[in-house]
Amino acid sequence: MNIFMTGATGYIGGTVARRLLDDGHRLRGLVRDTEKGRKLASFGVEPVAGDLDDGAVLAAEARRADAVINTADSDHRGAIDALLEGLAGSDKPFLHTSGSSIVADDAHGNVASDRIYDEDTPFEPVPGKQARVAIDRKIRDASSRGVRSIVVCPTMIYGNGLGLARDSAQIPGLAKRARASGVVRHVGKGLNVWSNVHVEDVADVYRLALTRAPAGAFYFAENGEASYRDICAAIARRLGLGAPQAWPFEEAAMELGENSAAYSFGSNSRVRGKRTRGELGWQPRHVSAIRWIETEML
């Protein structure tokens, strides 16, 4: 296939791109500057100059491609509108990247939730995630406009990226701050639990969905879970630091931003990829973020 990608220089997109190139697909990727374009070309992806605000470029690339994959920004409504406009009536696949914080709560790190969601579980998003959920629904509803639209919803991603970007946001972000300060900190008590998944297993979801997923599909990507306190304890062991410390939410919000502190680091997000395994035949190979932190994290 000739595939157009946004986010090919990023962590998820780079790993997905590597796997698709290995499968023999031809890729074009959106880039904002010449230097990133040069790096992307050397990686094997043909660069396309532009950004997510260039609606005409996005629509034209969508019309030209056999498939479109968005891994750049889950929340950029304008880019989604342009890509769907370019794909309307074509029955081509459009794979969009969401994130499992759509089922986040307001635990602020102090509560371990017993609520577990699969793709068919109804939920009401917290106010900070309503816009993302609306975008996900709009994309799935594009199946009625002649688009084979699919939403892939990863959980906390770990592992070294195979593309131009090596690190994800959550675990490496905590480790980076710990190296700088000498202390590993979790929001609140760190009791909140997140499902997690290795980045290479996430890439396999995209590979399978590209050819197997029906229009309007939604898939969680997860294989294991852990509390933030246990994740931070593993980081401390890996870095040779002392026991993790509580990070009051107000202080975390000042450094991370309120939305990130609340929903990326302070919430519960426990999900199960029932349809990912059942419909796509996905068989993840990596089972433990804790083990990866203790043995492989750089």
Protein backbone atom coordinates (compact mmCIF):
# COMPACT_ATOMS: atom_id res chain seq x y z
CA MET A 1 0.00 0.00 0.00
CA ASN A 2 0.89 3.66 -0.41
CA ILE A 3 0.30 5.03 3.10
CA PHE A 4 0.24 8.63 4.30
CA MET A 5 1.20 9.13 7.96
CA THR A 6 1.14 11.98 10.39
CA GLY A 7 3.49 11.62 13.35
CA ALA A 8 6.02 9.41 11.58
CA THR A 9 8.87 11.23 13.35
CA GLY A 10 7.32 10.53 16.76
CA TYR A 11 7.49 7.64 19.19
CA ILE A 12 4.37 5.66 18.23
CA GLY A 13 4.43 6.74 14.59
CA GLY A 14 8.09 5.91 14.11
CA THR A 15 7.65 2.39 15.43
CA VAL A 16 4.53 1.85 13.33
CA ALA A 17 6.37 3.21 10.29
CA ARG A 18 9.30 0.87 10.84
CA ARG A 19 7.01 -2.15 10.96
CA LEU A 20 5.06 -1.05 7.88
CA LEU A 21 8.25 -0.45 5.90
CA ASP A 22 9.44 -3.91 6.90
CA ASP A 23 6.13 -5.26 5.56
CA GLY A 24 6.85 -3.68 2.16
CA HIS A 25 4.50 -0.70 2.31
CA ARG A 26 5.49 2.68 0.86
CA LEU A 27 5.13 5.63 3.24
CA ARG A 28 4.82 9.38 2.96
CA GLY A 29 5.04 11.34 6.20
CA LEU A 30 4.09 14.86 7.23
CA VAL A 31 7.03 16.95 8.54
CA ARG A 32 7.28 20.56 9.71
CA ASP A 33 10.91 21.37 8.88
CA THR A 34 13.72 20.46 6.49
CA GLU A 35 15.94 18.76 9.06
CA LYS A 36 13.17 16.40 10.20
CA GLY A 37 12.37 15.76 6.56
CA ARG A 38 15.97 14.75 5.91
CA LYS A 39 15.95 12.36 8.86
CA LEU A 40 12.62 10.89 7.82
CA ALA A 41 13.87 10.33 4.26
CA SER A 42 16.96 8.53 5.54
CA PHE A 43 14.60 6.32 7.58
CA GLY A 44 12.76 5.34 4.39
CA VAL A 45 9.69 7.59 4.56
CA GLU A 46 9.15 10.19 1.84
CA PRO A 47 8.70 13.58 3.57
CA VAL A 48 5.70 15.83 2.91
CA ALA A 49 6.18 19.44 4.00
CA GLY A 50 3.42 20.81 6.21
CA ASP A 51 1.75 20.61 9.60
CA LEU A 52 -1.60 19.64 11.07
CA ASP A 53 -3.05 23.06 10.31
CA ASP A 54 -2.46 22.61 6.54
CA GLY A 55 -5.88 21.25 5.73
CA ALA A 56 -5.41 21.38 1.95
CA VAL A 57 -2.18 19.35 2.18
CA LEU A 58 -3.78 16.75 4.46
CA ALA A 59 -6.87 16.34 2.24
CA ALA A 60 -4.74 16.03 -0.90
CA GLU A 61 -2.47 13.42 0.67
CA ALA A 62 -5.49 11.46 1.91
CA ARG A 63 -6.98 11.41 -1.61
CA ARG A 64 -3.65 10.28 -3.06
CA ALA A 65 -2.92 7.49 -0.56
CA ASP A 66 -4.31 3.96 -0.27
CA ALA A 67 -4.55 4.40 3.51
CA VAL A 68 -4.00 7.10 6.14
CA ILE A 69 -2.61 6.69 9.67
CA ASN A 70 -2.73 9.52 12.21
CA THR A 71 -0.29 9.17 15.10
CA ALA A 72 0.49 12.88 15.50
CA ASP A 73 -2.21 14.38 17.73
CA SER A 74 -5.29 12.73 19.18
CA ASP A 75 -7.00 16.06 19.76
CA HIS A 76 -6.45 18.11 16.59
CA ARG A 77 -10.01 18.40 15.26
CA GLY A 78 -9.05 20.41 12.17
CA ALA A 79 -6.58 17.81 10.97
CA ILE A 80 -9.13 15.03 11.46
CA ASP A 81 -11.75 16.96 9.50
CA ALA A 82 -9.32 17.51 6.59
CA LEU A 83 -8.22 13.87 6.45
CA LEU A 84 -11.81 12.58 6.57
CA GLU A 85 -12.81 15.02 3.83
CA GLY A 86 -10.03 13.68 1.63
CA LEU A 87 -11.05 10.08 2.30
CA ALA A 88 -14.84 10.44 2.05
CA GLY A 89 -16.46 7.98 -0.33
CA SER A 90 -13.25 6.04 -0.96
CA ASP A 91 -13.68 3.11 1.47
CA LYS A 92 -9.97 3.52 2.26
CA PRO A 93 -8.72 2.75 5.78
CA PHE A 94 -8.11 5.60 8.21
CA LEU A 95 -6.36 4.58 11.44
CA HIS A 96 -6.49 7.19 14.20
CA THR A 97 -4.58 7.12 17.49
CA SER A 98 -6.51 7.89 20.68
CA GLY A 99 -5.41 7.04 24.24
CA SER A 100 -6.90 5.20 27.19
CA SER A 101 -7.04 8.33 29.32
CA ILE A 102 -10.50 8.64 27.74
CA VAL A 103 -11.67 6.43 30.63
CA ALA A 104 -9.61 8.32 33.22
CA ASP A 105 -10.99 9.37 36.59
CA ASP A 106 -10.09 12.10 39.09
CA ALA A 107 -8.25 9.86 41.57
CA HIS A 108 -5.23 12.22 41.76
CA GLY A 109 -3.14 9.16 42.57
CA ASN A 110 -4.91 8.38 45.84
CA VAL A 111 -7.30 5.57 44.88
CA ALA A 112 -6.98 2.28 43.00
CA SER A 113 -10.16 1.89 40.97
CA ASP A 114 -11.83 -1.48 40.46
CA ARG A 115 -13.50 -0.32 37.21
CA ILE A 116 -12.23 -2.13 34.12
CA TYR A 117 -13.42 -1.25 30.61
CA ASP A 118 -13.38 -3.15 27.34
CA GLU A 119 -14.37 -1.81 23.92
CA ASP A 120 -18.06 -2.41 24.57
CA THR A 121 -18.27 -0.90 28.08
CA PRO A 122 -20.31 2.33 28.23
CA PHE A 123 -18.59 5.21 30.02
CA GLU A 124 -18.97 8.91 30.62
CA PRO A 125 -15.69 10.78 30.14
CA VAL A 126 -14.43 13.30 32.67
CA PRO A 127 -14.73 16.91 31.40
CA GLY A 128 -11.07 17.04 30.42
CA LYS A 129 -11.50 14.14 28.00
CA GLN A 130 -14.91 14.89 26.45
CA ALA A 131 -13.38 16.57 23.39
CA ARG A 132 -11.16 13.57 22.66
CA VAL A 133 -14.06 11.15 23.01
CA ALA A 134 -16.10 13.31 20.62
CA ILE A 135 -13.31 13.10 18.04
CA ASP A 136 -13.11 9.32 18.43
CA ARG A 137 -16.86 9.06 17.83
CA LYS A 138 -16.70 11.35 14.82
CA ILE A 139 -14.01 9.16 13.28
CA ARG A 140 -15.95 5.95 13.88
CA ASP A 141 -19.10 7.55 12.49
CA ALA A 142 -17.17 8.35 9.29
CA SER A 143 -17.91 4.75 8.31
CA SER A 144 -21.24 6.14 7.10
CA ARG A 145 -19.33 8.51 4.77
CA GLY A 146 -17.48 5.75 2.94
CA VAL A 147 -14.35 5.67 5.13
CA ARG A 148 -13.03 2.48 6.73
CA SER A 149 -12.33 4.41 9.90
CA ILE A 150 -10.64 2.74 12.89
CA VAL A 151 -9.62 4.09 16.30
CA VAL A 152 -6.63 2.47 18.03
CA CYS A 153 -6.49 3.32 21.74
CA PRO A 154 -3.18 2.44 23.42
CA THR A 155 -2.70 2.42 27.17
CA MET A 156 0.54 3.41 28.94
CA ILE A 157 3.20 2.58 26.33
CA TYR A 158 6.69 1.41 27.26
CA GLY A 159 9.69 0.07 25.34
CA ASN A 160 12.29 1.71 23.11
CA GLY A 161 10.86 3.15 19.89
CA LEU A 162 12.08 1.75 16.58
CA GLY A 163 11.92 5.07 14.74
CA LEU A 164 13.44 8.51 15.16
CA ALA A 165 12.08 8.95 18.71
CA ARG A 166 13.17 6.47 21.37
CA ASP A 167 11.08 7.39 24.41
CA SER A 168 7.41 7.50 25.34
CA ALA A 169 6.02 10.14 27.69
CA GLN A 170 4.99 8.59 30.99
CA ILE A 171 7.68 6.21 32.27
CA PRO A 172 10.70 7.95 30.66
CA GLY A 173 9.33 11.29 31.87
CA LEU A 174 9.28 10.07 35.46
CA ALA A 175 12.78 8.61 35.09
CA LYS A 176 14.15 11.83 33.60
CA ARG A 177 12.84 13.88 36.50
CA ALA A 178 14.20 11.34 38.97
CA ARG A 179 17.67 11.52 37.44
CA ALA A 180 17.60 15.31 37.70
CA SER A 181 16.29 15.50 41.26
CA GLY A 182 17.54 12.25 42.80
CA VAL A 183 13.99 11.37 43.82
CA VAL A 184 11.28 9.32 42.08
CA ARG A 185 7.86 10.88 42.64
CA HIS A 186 4.33 9.69 41.91
CA VAL A 187 1.23 11.87 41.98
CA GLY A 188 -0.46 11.53 45.35
CA LYS A 189 -0.09 8.10 46.96
CA GLY A 190 0.59 6.44 43.60
CA LEU A 191 -2.21 3.92 44.11
CA ASN A 192 -3.80 4.60 40.71
CA VAL A 193 -3.53 1.76 38.18
CA TRP A 194 -2.88 1.94 34.45
CA SER A 195 -2.99 -0.80 31.87
CA ASN A 196 0.18 -0.84 29.80
CA VAL A 197 1.54 -2.17 26.51
CA HIS A 198 4.88 -2.46 24.70
CA VAL A 199 5.34 -0.15 21.73
CA GLU A 200 6.17 -3.02 19.36
CA ASP A 201 2.93 -4.75 20.32
CA VAL A 202 1.09 -1.49 19.63
CA ALA A 203 2.63 -1.38 16.15
CA ASP A 204 1.26 -4.85 15.52
CA VAL A 205 -2.28 -3.60 16.22
CA TYR A 206 -1.90 -1.08 13.37
CA ARG A 207 -0.49 -3.71 11.03
CA LEU A 208 -3.44 -6.00 11.68
CA ALA A 209 -6.10 -3.27 11.66
CA LEU A 210 -4.88 -1.98 8.31
CA THR A 211 -6.19 -5.08 6.56
CA ARG A 212 -8.58 -6.79 9.00
CA ALA A 213 -10.52 -4.13 10.91
CA PRO A 214 -14.10 -3.35 9.87
CA ALA A 215 -15.28 0.23 9.38
CA GLY A 216 -16.10 2.00 12.65
CA ALA A 217 -13.93 -0.29 14.78
CA PHE A 218 -12.38 0.68 18.12
CA TYR A 219 -9.53 -1.22 19.79
CA PHE A 220 -7.80 -0.95 23.14
CA ALA A 221 -4.13 -2.00 23.15
CA GLU A 222 -3.05 -3.41 26.53
CA ASN A 223 -1.22 -6.38 27.98
CA GLY A 224 -0.75 -6.00 31.72
CA GLU A 225 -1.21 -3.28 34.32
CA ALA A 226 0.54 -1.73 37.30
CA SER A 227 0.05 1.02 39.85
CA TYR A 228 2.12 4.17 39.57
CA ARG A 229 3.64 3.38 42.97
CA ASP A 230 4.93 0.04 41.67
CA ILE A 231 6.17 1.67 38.46
CA CYS A 232 8.02 4.33 40.44
CA ALA A 233 9.50 1.69 42.75
CA ALA A 234 10.84 -0.14 39.69
CA ILE A 235 12.33 3.11 38.37
CA ALA A 236 13.99 3.70 41.73
CA ARG A 237 15.53 0.22 41.69
CA ARG A 238 16.76 0.69 38.13
CA LEU A 239 18.35 4.05 38.94
CA GLY A 240 19.67 3.06 42.35
CA LEU A 241 17.57 5.65 44.17
CA GLY A 242 15.62 5.59 47.41
CA ALA A 243 11.97 4.76 47.88
CA PRO A 244 9.51 6.81 45.78
CA GLN A 245 7.90 9.83 47.36
CA ALA A 246 4.39 11.22 47.15
CA TRP A 247 4.00 14.28 44.91
CA PRO A 248 1.08 16.49 46.01
CA PHE A 249 -1.26 17.01 43.10
CA GLU A 250 -1.03 20.79 43.21
CA GLU A 251 2.76 20.66 42.92
CA ALA A 252 2.64 18.05 40.15
CA ALA A 253 0.14 20.17 38.24
CA MET A 254 2.44 23.20 38.41
CA GLU A 255 5.27 21.23 36.77
CA LEU A 256 3.37 18.88 34.45
CA GLY A 257 0.29 20.95 33.69
CA GLU A 258 -3.06 20.23 35.33
CA ASN A 259 -4.42 18.03 32.55
CA SER A 260 -1.28 15.87 32.39
CA ALA A 261 -0.98 15.57 36.16
CA ALA A 262 -4.64 14.60 36.50
CA TYR A 263 -5.12 12.24 33.57
CA SER A 264 -1.70 10.98 32.41
CA PHE A 265 -0.13 10.52 35.84
CA GLY A 266 -2.87 10.77 38.49
CA SER A 267 -5.82 8.81 37.11
CA ASN A 268 -6.81 5.19 36.86
CA SER A 269 -7.05 3.76 33.34
CA ARG A 270 -7.79 0.03 33.40
CA VAL A 271 -8.93 -1.51 30.12
CA ARG A 272 -9.00 -4.81 28.25
CA GLY A 273 -8.54 -5.26 24.51
CA LYS A 274 -11.27 -7.85 24.01
CA ARG A 275 -11.98 -6.96 20.39
CA THR A 276 -8.30 -6.38 19.62
CA ARG A 277 -7.60 -10.00 20.38
CA GLY A 278 -10.89 -11.41 19.12
CA GLU A 279 -11.44 -9.47 15.87
CA LEU A 280 -7.85 -8.85 14.85
CA GLY A 281 -6.18 -11.96 16.27
CA TRP A 282 -3.66 -9.74 18.07
CA GLN A 283 -1.18 -11.69 20.19
CA PRO A 284 1.04 -9.33 22.22
CA ARG A 285 4.43 -10.71 23.19
CA HIS A 286 5.55 -8.39 25.99
CA VAL A 287 3.88 -8.80 29.36
CA SER A 288 5.46 -6.56 31.98
CA ALA A 289 6.30 -2.87 32.10
CA ILE A 290 7.92 -3.47 35.49
CA ARG A 291 10.30 -6.06 34.04
CA TRP A 292 11.18 -3.74 31.15
CA ILE A 293 11.98 -0.90 33.55
CA GLU A 294 14.18 -3.11 35.70
CA THR A 295 16.09 -4.78 32.86
CA GLU A 296 15.95 -2.64 29.69
CA MET A 297 15.06 0.98 30.43
CA LEU A 298 17.87 3.31 29.35
